[in-house]
PDB file of N, CA and C in Angstrom:
ATOM      1  N   MET A   1    -253.987 -64.900 -31.355  1.00  0.00           N
ATOM      2  CA  MET A   1    -253.802 -64.712 -32.779  1.00  0.00           C
ATOM      3  C   MET A   1    -254.579 -65.776 -33.540  1.00  0.00           C
ATOM      4  N   ALA A   2    -255.199 -65.370 -34.600  1.00  0.00           N
ATOM      5  CA  ALA A   2    -256.012 -66.275 -35.403  1.00  0.00           C
ATOM      6  C   ALA A   2    -255.123 -67.153 -36.282  1.00  0.00           C
ATOM      7  N   ASP A   3    -255.669 -68.283 -36.696  1.00  0.00           N
ATOM      8  CA  ASP A   3    -254.964 -69.166 -37.617  1.00  0.00           C
ATOM      9  C   ASP A   3    -255.110 -68.680 -39.056  1.00  0.00           C
ATOM     10  N   ALA A   4    -256.250 -68.045 -39.366  1.00  0.00           N
ATOM     11  CA  ALA A   4    -256.528 -67.572 -40.722  1.00  0.00           C
ATOM     12  C   ALA A   4    -257.550 -66.438 -40.649  1.00  0.00           C
ATOM     13  N   TYR A   5    -257.773 -65.796 -41.796  1.00  0.00           N
ATOM     14  CA  TYR A   5    -258.668 -64.634 -41.845  1.00  0.00           C
ATOM     15  C   TYR A   5    -259.523 -64.666 -43.105  1.00  0.00           C
ATOM     16  N   ILE A   6    -260.667 -64.024 -43.013  1.00  0.00           N
ATOM     17  CA  ILE A   6    -261.475 -63.713 -44.187  1.00  0.00           C
ATOM     18  C   ILE A   6    -261.369 -62.209 -44.368  1.00  0.00           C
ATOM     19  N   ASN A   7    -260.905 -61.787 -45.540  1.00  0.00           N
ATOM     20  CA  ASN A   7    -260.851 -60.362 -45.861  1.00  0.00           C
ATOM     21  C   ASN A   7    -262.192 -59.944 -46.444  1.00  0.00           C
ATOM     22  N   VAL A   8    -262.768 -58.903 -45.880  1.00  0.00           N
ATOM     23  CA  VAL A   8    -263.997 -58.315 -46.413  1.00  0.00           C
ATOM     24  C   VAL A   8    -263.617 -56.908 -46.859  1.00  0.00           C
ATOM     25  N   PHE A   9    -263.539 -56.728 -48.182  1.00  0.00           N
ATOM     26  CA  PHE A   9    -263.142 -55.428 -48.710  1.00  0.00           C
ATOM     27  C   PHE A   9    -264.312 -54.455 -48.657  1.00  0.00           C
ATOM     28  N   LEU A  10    -263.995 -53.198 -48.409  1.00  0.00           N
ATOM     29  CA  LEU A  10    -265.007 -52.185 -48.126  1.00  0.00           C
ATOM     30  C   LEU A  10    -265.059 -51.129 -49.217  1.00  0.00           C
ATOM     31  N   ASN A  11    -266.280 -50.801 -49.633  1.00  0.00           N
ATOM     32  CA  ASN A  11    -266.493 -49.632 -50.488  1.00  0.00           C
ATOM     33  C   ASN A  11    -266.867 -48.469 -49.555  1.00  0.00           C
ATOM     34  N   ASP A  12    -267.126 -47.306 -50.106  1.00  0.00           N
ATOM     35  CA  ASP A  12    -267.429 -46.135 -49.274  1.00  0.00           C
ATOM     36  C   ASP A  12    -268.633 -46.369 -48.368  1.00  0.00           C
ATOM     37  N   GLU A  13    -269.672 -47.008 -48.905  1.00  0.00           N
ATOM     38  CA  GLU A  13    -270.884 -47.274 -48.121  1.00  0.00           C
ATOM     39  C   GLU A  13    -270.576 -48.195 -46.941  1.00  0.00           C
ATOM     40  N   ARG A  14    -269.804 -49.245 -47.193  1.00  0.00           N
ATOM     41  CA  ARG A  14    -269.451 -50.180 -46.127  1.00  0.00           C
ATOM     42  C   ARG A  14    -268.531 -49.526 -45.091  1.00  0.00           C
ATOM     43  N   ILE A  15    -267.629 -48.658 -45.538  1.00  0.00           N
ATOM     44  CA  ILE A  15    -266.751 -47.959 -44.588  1.00  0.00           C
ATOM     45  C   ILE A  15    -267.600 -47.117 -43.634  1.00  0.00           C
ATOM     46  N   GLN A  16    -268.593 -46.401 -44.177  1.00  0.00           N
ATOM     47  CA  GLN A  16    -269.475 -45.596 -43.329  1.00  0.00           C
ATOM     48  C   GLN A  16    -270.235 -46.480 -42.343  1.00  0.00           C
ATOM     49  N   LYS A  17    -270.693 -47.637 -42.807  1.00  0.00           N
ATOM     50  CA  LYS A  17    -271.433 -48.559 -41.941  1.00  0.00           C
ATOM     51  C   LYS A  17    -270.533 -49.049 -40.801  1.00  0.00           C
ATOM     52  N   ILE A  18    -269.303 -49.432 -41.136  1.00  0.00           N
ATOM     53  CA  ILE A  18    -268.359 -49.904 -40.114  1.00  0.00           C
ATOM     54  C   ILE A  18    -268.065 -48.796 -39.102  1.00  0.00           C
ATOM     55  N   GLN A  19    -267.885 -47.575 -39.595  1.00  0.00           N
ATOM     56  CA  GLN A  19    -267.643 -46.444 -38.693  1.00  0.00           C
ATOM     57  C   GLN A  19    -268.851 -46.212 -37.801  1.00  0.00           C
ATOM     58  N   GLY A  20    -270.056 -46.331 -38.361  1.00  0.00           N
ATOM     59  CA  GLY A  20    -271.280 -46.157 -37.580  1.00  0.00           C
ATOM     60  C   GLY A  20    -271.460 -47.226 -36.514  1.00  0.00           C
ATOM     61  N   LEU A  21    -270.883 -48.391 -36.744  1.00  0.00           N
ATOM     62  CA  LEU A  21    -270.964 -49.484 -35.768  1.00  0.00           C
ATOM     63  C   LEU A  21    -269.881 -49.360 -34.694  1.00  0.00           C
ATOM     64  N   GLY A  22    -269.011 -48.351 -34.836  1.00  0.00           N
ATOM     65  CA  GLY A  22    -267.935 -48.171 -33.868  1.00  0.00           C
ATOM     66  C   GLY A  22    -266.774 -49.126 -34.081  1.00  0.00           C
ATOM     67  N   LEU A  23    -266.621 -49.614 -35.311  1.00  0.00           N
ATOM     68  CA  LEU A  23    -265.560 -50.577 -35.602  1.00  0.00           C
ATOM     69  C   LEU A  23    -264.445 -49.991 -36.473  1.00  0.00           C
ATOM     70  N   SER A  24    -264.315 -48.674 -36.475  1.00  0.00           N
ATOM     71  CA  SER A  24    -263.300 -48.012 -37.302  1.00  0.00           C
ATOM     72  C   SER A  24    -261.899 -48.552 -37.043  1.00  0.00           C
ATOM     73  N   ASP A  25    -261.623 -48.922 -35.792  1.00  0.00           N
ATOM     74  CA  ASP A  25    -260.293 -49.424 -35.446  1.00  0.00           C
ATOM     75  C   ASP A  25    -259.993 -50.779 -36.086  1.00  0.00           C
ATOM     76  N   ARG A  26    -260.988 -51.431 -36.655  1.00  0.00           N
ATOM     77  CA  ARG A  26    -260.797 -52.747 -37.287  1.00  0.00           C
ATOM     78  C   ARG A  26    -260.519 -52.644 -38.788  1.00  0.00           C
ATOM     79  N   ILE A  27    -260.610 -51.433 -39.346  1.00  0.00           N
ATOM     80  CA  ILE A  27    -260.350 -51.238 -40.773  1.00  0.00           C
ATOM     81  C   ILE A  27    -258.844 -51.276 -41.008  1.00  0.00           C
ATOM     82  N   LYS A  28    -258.445 -52.074 -42.008  1.00  0.00           N
ATOM     83  CA  LYS A  28    -257.034 -52.218 -42.357  1.00  0.00           C
ATOM     84  C   LYS A  28    -256.845 -51.882 -43.830  1.00  0.00           C
ATOM     85  N   GLU A  29    -255.617 -51.640 -44.190  1.00  0.00           N
ATOM     86  CA  GLU A  29    -255.240 -51.423 -45.587  1.00  0.00           C
ATOM     87  C   GLU A  29    -254.633 -52.735 -46.081  1.00  0.00           C
ATOM     88  N   ILE A  30    -255.268 -53.364 -47.070  1.00  0.00           N
ATOM     89  CA  ILE A  30    -254.785 -54.629 -47.627  1.00  0.00           C
ATOM     90  C   ILE A  30    -254.713 -54.471 -49.141  1.00  0.00           C
ATOM     91  N   SER A  31    -253.526 -54.620 -49.680  1.00  0.00           N
ATOM     92  CA  SER A  31    -253.298 -54.476 -51.133  1.00  0.00           C
ATOM     93  C   SER A  31    -253.854 -53.159 -51.663  1.00  0.00           C
ATOM     94  N   GLY A  32    -253.706 -52.095 -50.880  1.00  0.00           N
ATOM     95  CA  GLY A  32    -254.147 -50.779 -51.310  1.00  0.00           C
ATOM     96  C   GLY A  32    -255.639 -50.530 -51.179  1.00  0.00           C
ATOM     97  N   LYS A  33    -256.369 -51.481 -50.571  1.00  0.00           N
ATOM     98  CA  LYS A  33    -257.817 -51.331 -50.388  1.00  0.00           C
ATOM     99  C   LYS A  33    -258.150 -51.396 -48.898  1.00  0.00           C
ATOM    100  N   LYS A  34    -259.246 -50.757 -48.531  1.00  0.00           N
ATOM    101  CA  LYS A  34    -259.734 -50.818 -47.146  1.00  0.00           C
ATOM    102  C   LYS A  34    -260.477 -52.144 -46.962  1.00  0.00           C
ATOM    103  N   ALA A  35    -260.244 -52.768 -45.811  1.00  0.00           N
ATOM    104  CA  ALA A  35    -260.885 -54.056 -45.523  1.00  0.00           C
ATOM    105  C   ALA A  35    -260.980 -54.253 -44.019  1.00  0.00           C
ATOM    106  N   ILE A  36    -261.819 -55.200 -43.650  1.00  0.00           N
ATOM    107  CA  ILE A  36    -261.833 -55.703 -42.283  1.00  0.00           C
ATOM    108  C   ILE A  36    -261.499 -57.181 -42.379  1.00  0.00           C
ATOM    109  N   GLN A  37    -260.951 -57.722 -41.310  1.00  0.00           N
ATOM    110  CA  GLN A  37    -260.608 -59.136 -41.301  1.00  0.00           C
ATOM    111  C   GLN A  37    -261.390 -59.845 -40.207  1.00  0.00           C
ATOM    112  N   VAL A  38    -261.973 -60.978 -40.586  1.00  0.00           N
ATOM    113  CA  VAL A  38    -262.672 -61.829 -39.635  1.00  0.00           C
ATOM    114  C   VAL A  38    -261.734 -62.985 -39.317  1.00  0.00           C
ATOM    115  N   GLU A  39    -261.402 -63.135 -38.056  1.00  0.00           N
ATOM    116  CA  GLU A  39    -260.476 -64.181 -37.631  1.00  0.00           C
ATOM    117  C   GLU A  39    -261.176 -65.523 -37.570  1.00  0.00           C
ATOM    118  N   MET A  40    -260.408 -66.585 -37.886  1.00  0.00           N
ATOM    119  CA  MET A  40    -260.959 -67.933 -37.790  1.00  0.00           C
ATOM    120  C   MET A  40    -259.894 -68.923 -37.365  1.00  0.00           C
ATOM    121  N   THR A  41    -260.345 -70.065 -36.916  1.00  0.00           N
ATOM    122  CA  THR A  41    -259.459 -71.137 -36.491  1.00  0.00           C
ATOM    123  C   THR A  41    -259.114 -72.026 -37.686  1.00  0.00           C
ATOM    124  N   LYS A  42    -258.154 -72.909 -37.498  1.00  0.00           N
ATOM    125  CA  LYS A  42    -257.802 -73.896 -38.534  1.00  0.00           C
ATOM    126  C   LYS A  42    -259.017 -74.756 -38.882  1.00  0.00           C
ATOM    127  N   LYS A  43    -259.809 -75.096 -37.867  1.00  0.00           N
ATOM    128  CA  LYS A  43    -260.995 -75.926 -38.074  1.00  0.00           C
ATOM    129  C   LYS A  43    -262.002 -75.194 -38.971  1.00  0.00           C
ATOM    130  N   ASP A  44    -262.223 -73.904 -38.703  1.00  0.00           N
ATOM    131  CA  ASP A  44    -263.113 -73.100 -39.545  1.00  0.00           C
ATOM    132  C   ASP A  44    -262.564 -73.032 -40.968  1.00  0.00           C
ATOM    133  N   GLN A  45    -261.248 -72.865 -41.091  1.00  0.00           N
ATOM    134  CA  GLN A  45    -260.613 -72.784 -42.399  1.00  0.00           C
ATOM    135  C   GLN A  45    -260.855 -74.066 -43.191  1.00  0.00           C
ATOM    136  N   LYS A  46    -260.699 -75.213 -42.556  1.00  0.00           N
ATOM    137  CA  LYS A  46    -260.925 -76.496 -43.238  1.00  0.00           C
ATOM    138  C   LYS A  46    -262.376 -76.628 -43.684  1.00  0.00           C
ATOM    139  N   LYS A  47    -263.313 -76.175 -42.849  1.00  0.00           N
ATOM    140  CA  LYS A  47    -264.726 -76.233 -43.216  1.00  0.00           C
ATOM    141  C   LYS A  47    -265.006 -75.352 -44.428  1.00  0.00           C
ATOM    142  N   LEU A  48    -264.437 -74.146 -44.439  1.00  0.00           N
ATOM    143  CA  LEU A  48    -264.649 -73.246 -45.575  1.00  0.00           C
ATOM    144  C   LEU A  48    -264.032 -73.809 -46.849  1.00  0.00           C
ATOM    145  N   GLU A  49    -262.853 -74.406 -46.745  1.00  0.00           N
ATOM    146  CA  GLU A  49    -262.212 -75.013 -47.909  1.00  0.00           C
ATOM    147  C   GLU A  49    -263.050 -76.161 -48.453  1.00  0.00           C
ATOM    148  N   LYS A  50    -263.681 -76.905 -47.564  1.00  0.00           N
ATOM    149  CA  LYS A  50    -264.545 -78.006 -47.987  1.00  0.00           C
ATOM    150  C   LYS A  50    -265.845 -77.465 -48.597  1.00  0.00           C
ATOM    151  N   GLY A  51    -266.389 -76.423 -47.994  1.00  0.00           N
ATOM    152  CA  GLY A  51    -267.655 -75.861 -48.456  1.00  0.00           C
ATOM    153  C   GLY A  51    -267.533 -75.014 -49.712  1.00  0.00           C
ATOM    154  N   TYR A  52    -266.345 -74.462 -49.951  1.00  0.00           N
ATOM    155  CA  TYR A  52    -266.115 -73.606 -51.122  1.00  0.00           C
ATOM    156  C   TYR A  52    -264.876 -74.099 -51.863  1.00  0.00           C
ATOM    157  N   PRO A  53    -265.030 -75.164 -52.659  1.00  0.00           N
ATOM    158  CA  PRO A  53    -263.886 -75.689 -53.402  1.00  0.00           C
ATOM    159  C   PRO A  53    -263.258 -74.571 -54.248  1.00  0.00           C
ATOM    160  N   GLY A  54    -261.943 -74.527 -54.247  1.00  0.00           N
ATOM    161  CA  GLY A  54    -261.249 -73.491 -55.003  1.00  0.00           C
ATOM    162  C   GLY A  54    -260.962 -72.238 -54.194  1.00  0.00           C
ATOM    163  N   LEU A  55    -261.408 -72.188 -52.946  1.00  0.00           N
ATOM    164  CA  LEU A  55    -261.127 -71.036 -52.089  1.00  0.00           C
ATOM    165  C   LEU A  55    -259.623 -70.961 -51.859  1.00  0.00           C
ATOM    166  N   LYS A  56    -259.045 -69.817 -52.133  1.00  0.00           N
ATOM    167  CA  LYS A  56    -257.593 -69.646 -52.044  1.00  0.00           C
ATOM    168  C   LYS A  56    -257.213 -68.803 -50.834  1.00  0.00           C
ATOM    169  N   PHE A  57    -256.186 -69.248 -50.135  1.00  0.00           N
ATOM    170  CA  PHE A  57    -255.611 -68.498 -49.018  1.00  0.00           C
ATOM    171  C   PHE A  57    -254.247 -67.982 -49.442  1.00  0.00           C
ATOM    172  N   ASP A  58    -253.952 -66.715 -49.102  1.00  0.00           N
ATOM    173  CA  ASP A  58    -252.662 -66.126 -49.479  1.00  0.00           C
ATOM    174  C   ASP A  58    -251.600 -66.446 -48.432  1.00  0.00           C
ATOM    175  N   ALA A  59    -250.443 -65.842 -48.576  1.00  0.00           N
ATOM    176  CA  ALA A  59    -249.318 -66.096 -47.672  1.00  0.00           C
ATOM    177  C   ALA A  59    -249.616 -65.694 -46.230  1.00  0.00           C
ATOM    178  N   THR A  60    -250.567 -64.770 -46.028  1.00  0.00           N
ATOM    179  CA  THR A  60    -250.936 -64.357 -44.673  1.00  0.00           C
ATOM    180  C   THR A  60    -252.099 -65.186 -44.125  1.00  0.00           C
ATOM    181  N   GLN A  61    -252.450 -66.264 -44.839  1.00  0.00           N
ATOM    182  CA  GLN A  61    -253.567 -67.139 -44.482  1.00  0.00           C
ATOM    183  C   GLN A  61    -254.896 -66.392 -44.516  1.00  0.00           C
ATOM    184  N   ALA A  62    -255.050 -65.513 -45.482  1.00  0.00           N
ATOM    185  CA  ALA A  62    -256.297 -64.764 -45.648  1.00  0.00           C
ATOM    186  C   ALA A  62    -256.956 -65.170 -46.961  1.00  0.00           C
ATOM    187  N   CYS A  63    -258.283 -65.117 -46.986  1.00  0.00           N
ATOM    188  CA  CYS A  63    -259.034 -65.446 -48.192  1.00  0.00           C
ATOM    189  C   CYS A  63    -260.147 -64.423 -48.387  1.00  0.00           C
ATOM    190  N   VAL A  64    -260.749 -64.477 -49.553  1.00  0.00           N
ATOM    191  CA  VAL A  64    -261.935 -63.679 -49.852  1.00  0.00           C
ATOM    192  C   VAL A  64    -263.018 -64.672 -50.248  1.00  0.00           C
ATOM    193  N   LEU A  65    -264.160 -64.587 -49.589  1.00  0.00           N
ATOM    194  CA  LEU A  65    -265.262 -65.499 -49.877  1.00  0.00           C
ATOM    195  C   LEU A  65    -265.935 -65.157 -51.197  1.00  0.00           C
ATOM    196  N   PRO A  66    -266.615 -66.139 -51.801  1.00  0.00           N
ATOM    197  CA  PRO A  66    -267.444 -65.827 -52.971  1.00  0.00           C
ATOM    198  C   PRO A  66    -268.496 -64.779 -52.590  1.00  0.00           C
ATOM    199  N   GLU A  67    -268.993 -64.068 -53.579  1.00  0.00           N
ATOM    200  CA  GLU A  67    -269.872 -62.908 -53.344  1.00  0.00           C
ATOM    201  C   GLU A  67    -271.075 -63.221 -52.456  1.00  0.00           C
ATOM    202  N   LYS A  68    -271.767 -64.307 -52.721  1.00  0.00           N
ATOM    203  CA  LYS A  68    -272.967 -64.643 -51.931  1.00  0.00           C
ATOM    204  C   LYS A  68    -272.603 -64.912 -50.465  1.00  0.00           C
ATOM    205  N   ALA A  69    -271.546 -65.669 -50.250  1.00  0.00           N
ATOM    206  CA  ALA A  69    -271.111 -65.980 -48.881  1.00  0.00           C
ATOM    207  C   ALA A  69    -270.625 -64.719 -48.167  1.00  0.00           C
ATOM    208  N   GLU A  70    -269.941 -63.832 -48.913  1.00  0.00           N
ATOM    209  CA  GLU A  70    -269.491 -62.581 -48.309  1.00  0.00           C
ATOM    210  C   GLU A  70    -270.688 -61.741 -47.882  1.00  0.00           C
ATOM    211  N   GLY A  71    -271.753 -61.771 -48.665  1.00  0.00           N
ATOM    212  CA  GLY A  71    -272.971 -61.046 -48.302  1.00  0.00           C
ATOM    213  C   GLY A  71    -273.563 -61.556 -47.002  1.00  0.00           C
ATOM    214  N   VAL A  72    -273.557 -62.877 -46.841  1.00  0.00           N
ATOM    215  CA  VAL A  72    -274.057 -63.482 -45.596  1.00  0.00           C
ATOM    216  C   VAL A  72    -273.183 -63.041 -44.424  1.00  0.00           C
ATOM    217  N   LEU A  73    -271.867 -63.103 -44.617  1.00  0.00           N
ATOM    218  CA  LEU A  73    -270.949 -62.703 -43.556  1.00  0.00           C
ATOM    219  C   LEU A  73    -271.103 -61.214 -43.224  1.00  0.00           C
ATOM    220  N   TRP A  74    -271.255 -60.371 -44.239  1.00  0.00           N
ATOM    221  CA  TRP A  74    -271.434 -58.931 -44.012  1.00  0.00           C
ATOM    222  C   TRP A  74    -272.684 -58.669 -43.176  1.00  0.00           C
ATOM    223  N   LYS A  75    -273.768 -59.365 -43.475  1.00  0.00           N
ATOM    224  CA  LYS A  75    -275.014 -59.197 -42.706  1.00  0.00           C
ATOM    225  C   LYS A  75    -274.805 -59.599 -41.247  1.00  0.00           C
ATOM    226  N   ILE A  76    -274.099 -60.678 -41.024  1.00  0.00           N
ATOM    227  CA  ILE A  76    -273.829 -61.130 -39.659  1.00  0.00           C
ATOM    228  C   ILE A  76    -272.987 -60.083 -38.915  1.00  0.00           C
ATOM    229  N   ILE A  77    -271.964 -59.560 -39.593  1.00  0.00           N
ATOM    230  CA  ILE A  77    -271.107 -58.537 -38.966  1.00  0.00           C
ATOM    231  C   ILE A  77    -271.929 -57.317 -38.579  1.00  0.00           C
ATOM    232  N   THR A  78    -272.777 -56.844 -39.480  1.00  0.00           N
ATOM    233  CA  THR A  78    -273.553 -55.635 -39.181  1.00  0.00           C
ATOM    234  C   THR A  78    -274.641 -55.915 -38.144  1.00  0.00           C
ATOM    235  N   ASP A  79    -275.248 -57.087 -38.169  1.00  0.00           N
ATOM    236  CA  ASP A  79    -276.268 -57.425 -37.170  1.00  0.00           C
ATOM    237  C   ASP A  79    -275.668 -57.559 -35.771  1.00  0.00           C
ATOM    238  N   MET A  80    -274.487 -58.190 -35.701  1.00  0.00           N
ATOM    239  CA  MET A  80    -273.859 -58.434 -34.398  1.00  0.00           C
ATOM    240  C   MET A  80    -272.967 -57.269 -33.955  1.00  0.00           C
ATOM    241  N   LYS A  81    -272.737 -56.311 -34.877  1.00  0.00           N
ATOM    242  CA  LYS A  81    -271.900 -55.135 -34.584  1.00  0.00           C
ATOM    243  C   LYS A  81    -270.509 -55.540 -34.092  1.00  0.00           C
ATOM    244  N   SER A  82    -269.946 -56.555 -34.755  1.00  0.00           N
ATOM    245  CA  SER A  82    -268.641 -57.087 -34.363  1.00  0.00           C
ATOM    246  C   SER A  82    -268.020 -57.815 -35.552  1.00  0.00           C
ATOM    247  N   VAL A  83    -266.690 -57.918 -35.553  1.00  0.00           N
ATOM    248  CA  VAL A  83    -266.032 -58.765 -36.541  1.00  0.00           C
ATOM    249  C   VAL A  83    -265.615 -60.096 -35.913  1.00  0.00           C
ATOM    250  N   ASP A  84    -265.881 -60.266 -34.637  1.00  0.00           N
ATOM    251  CA  ASP A  84    -265.607 -61.526 -33.949  1.00  0.00           C
ATOM    252  C   ASP A  84    -266.849 -62.410 -34.021  1.00  0.00           C
ATOM    253  N   VAL A  85    -267.166 -62.840 -35.237  1.00  0.00           N
ATOM    254  CA  VAL A  85    -268.444 -63.513 -35.480  1.00  0.00           C
ATOM    255  C   VAL A  85    -268.293 -64.940 -36.003  1.00  0.00           C
ATOM    256  N   MET A  86    -267.093 -65.449 -36.107  1.00  0.00           N
ATOM    257  CA  MET A  86    -266.891 -66.717 -36.806  1.00  0.00           C
ATOM    258  C   MET A  86    -267.604 -67.891 -36.159  1.00  0.00           C
ATOM    259  N   LYS A  87    -267.711 -67.924 -34.846  1.00  0.00           N
ATOM    260  CA  LYS A  87    -268.401 -69.049 -34.195  1.00  0.00           C
ATOM    261  C   LYS A  87    -269.837 -69.170 -34.688  1.00  0.00           C
ATOM    262  N   PHE A  88    -270.477 -68.027 -34.882  1.00  0.00           N
ATOM    263  CA  PHE A  88    -271.844 -68.028 -35.398  1.00  0.00           C
ATOM    264  C   PHE A  88    -271.847 -68.146 -36.922  1.00  0.00           C
ATOM    265  N   ALA A  89    -270.969 -67.396 -37.576  1.00  0.00           N
ATOM    266  CA  ALA A  89    -270.969 -67.322 -39.042  1.00  0.00           C
ATOM    267  C   ALA A  89    -270.702 -68.670 -39.688  1.00  0.00           C
ATOM    268  N   ILE A  90    -269.866 -69.496 -39.089  1.00  0.00           N
ATOM    269  CA  ILE A  90    -269.536 -70.786 -39.716  1.00  0.00           C
ATOM    270  C   ILE A  90    -270.777 -71.654 -39.855  1.00  0.00           C
ATOM    271  N   THR A  91    -271.739 -71.494 -38.949  1.00  0.00           N
ATOM    272  CA  THR A  91    -272.969 -72.283 -39.048  1.00  0.00           C
ATOM    273  C   THR A  91    -273.817 -71.854 -40.239  1.00  0.00           C
ATOM    274  N   LYS A  92    -273.674 -70.610 -40.663  1.00  0.00           N
ATOM    275  CA  LYS A  92    -274.417 -70.097 -41.815  1.00  0.00           C
ATOM    276  C   LYS A  92    -273.661 -70.302 -43.129  1.00  0.00           C
ATOM    277  N   LEU A  93    -272.326 -70.324 -43.050  1.00  0.00           N
ATOM    278  CA  LEU A  93    -271.502 -70.401 -44.253  1.00  0.00           C
ATOM    279  C   LEU A  93    -271.189 -71.829 -44.678  1.00  0.00           C
ATOM    280  N   TYR A  94    -271.193 -72.759 -43.738  1.00  0.00           N
ATOM    281  CA  TYR A  94    -270.768 -74.126 -44.029  1.00  0.00           C
ATOM    282  C   TYR A  94    -271.945 -75.078 -43.923  1.00  0.00           C
ATOM    283  N   ASN A  95    -272.234 -75.762 -45.012  1.00  0.00           N
ATOM    284  CA  ASN A  95    -273.279 -76.776 -45.026  1.00  0.00           C
ATOM    285  C   ASN A  95    -272.601 -78.120 -45.272  1.00  0.00           C
ATOM    286  N   PRO A  96    -272.452 -78.935 -44.228  1.00  0.00           N
ATOM    287  CA  PRO A  96    -271.721 -80.190 -44.393  1.00  0.00           C
ATOM    288  C   PRO A  96    -272.402 -81.170 -45.347  1.00  0.00           C
ATOM    289  N   LEU A  97    -273.669 -80.971 -45.639  1.00  0.00           N
ATOM    290  CA  LEU A  97    -274.375 -81.895 -46.523  1.00  0.00           C
ATOM    291  C   LEU A  97    -274.473 -81.386 -47.960  1.00  0.00           C
ATOM    292  N   ALA A  98    -273.875 -80.246 -48.254  1.00  0.00           N
ATOM    293  CA  ALA A  98    -273.944 -79.693 -49.604  1.00  0.00           C
ATOM    294  C   ALA A  98    -273.404 -80.700 -50.605  1.00  0.00           C
ATOM    295  N   GLY A  99    -274.188 -80.958 -51.634  1.00  0.00           N
ATOM    296  CA  GLY A  99    -273.761 -81.862 -52.695  1.00  0.00           C
ATOM    297  C   GLY A  99    -273.958 -83.331 -52.392  1.00  0.00           C
ATOM    298  N   ARG A 100    -274.461 -83.660 -51.221  1.00  0.00           N
ATOM    299  CA  ARG A 100    -274.665 -85.075 -50.887  1.00  0.00           C
ATOM    300  C   ARG A 100    -276.052 -85.523 -51.293  1.00  0.00           C
ATOM    301  N   ASP A 101    -276.144 -86.756 -51.658  1.00  0.00           N
ATOM    302  CA  ASP A 101    -277.414 -87.365 -52.024  1.00  0.00           C
ATOM    303  C   ASP A 101    -278.310 -87.404 -50.793  1.00  0.00           C
ATOM    304  N   ILE A 102    -279.600 -87.236 -51.005  1.00  0.00           N
ATOM    305  CA  ILE A 102    -280.549 -87.272 -49.891  1.00  0.00           C
ATOM    306  C   ILE A 102    -280.522 -88.621 -49.179  1.00  0.00           C
ATOM    307  N   PHE A 103    -280.121 -89.665 -49.901  1.00  0.00           N
ATOM    308  CA  PHE A 103    -280.045 -90.988 -49.299  1.00  0.00           C
ATOM    309  C   PHE A 103    -278.604 -91.338 -48.940  1.00  0.00           C
ATOM    310  N   GLY A 104    -277.898 -90.382 -48.360  1.00  0.00           N
ATOM    311  CA  GLY A 104    -276.499 -90.571 -47.967  1.00  0.00           C
ATOM    312  C   GLY A 104    -276.381 -91.477 -46.777  1.00  0.00           C
ATOM    313  N   ARG A 105    -275.196 -91.547 -46.241  1.00  0.00           N
ATOM    314  CA  ARG A 105    -274.916 -92.426 -45.094  1.00  0.00           C
ATOM    315  C   ARG A 105    -275.829 -92.119 -43.915  1.00  0.00           C
ATOM    316  N   GLY A 106    -276.212 -93.152 -43.232  1.00  0.00           N
ATOM    317  CA  GLY A 106    -276.933 -92.993 -41.987  1.00  0.00           C
ATOM    318  C   GLY A 106    -278.439 -92.797 -42.133  1.00  0.00           C
ATOM    319  N   THR A 107    -278.981 -92.862 -43.345  1.00  0.00           N
ATOM    320  CA  THR A 107    -280.417 -92.668 -43.492  1.00  0.00           C
ATOM    321  C   THR A 107    -281.179 -93.978 -43.455  1.00  0.00           C
ATOM    322  N   GLY A 108    -280.448 -95.089 -43.618  1.00  0.00           N
ATOM    323  CA  GLY A 108    -281.120 -96.377 -43.646  1.00  0.00           C
ATOM    324  C   GLY A 108    -281.685 -96.718 -45.010  1.00  0.00           C
ATOM    325  N   GLN A 109    -281.556 -95.847 -45.974  1.00  0.00           N
ATOM    326  CA  GLN A 109    -282.045 -96.073 -47.330  1.00  0.00           C
ATOM    327  C   GLN A 109    -280.938 -96.707 -48.178  1.00  0.00           C
ATOM    328  N   HIS A 110    -281.340 -97.557 -49.095  1.00  0.00           N
ATOM    329  CA  HIS A 110    -280.352 -98.194 -49.988  1.00  0.00           C
ATOM    330  C   HIS A 110    -280.744 -97.982 -51.409  1.00  0.00           C
TER     331      HIS A 110
END
């Protein structure tokens, strides 16, 4: 069981794409909408919270990514033909140096 989830809500086009990928069994009904859930660990959750300030998790420990990040995740899901993509996706979604000065710690610059 996952520690947390990313909800990716589906429109008709995305539902057809998911069905074409053979992932129909992964479609769920969430708040009256069709969605797929990408499972993640607590560590992934902390990275996403750090990378996307203001990211909210609901009572089921699920969140919805900002539009641009969701687009990146959607591309990864369709390219890999799986929703078990978090190990790879976190490397694309989380930039540990975002917002840091180019002369941050460890560069030897003062």
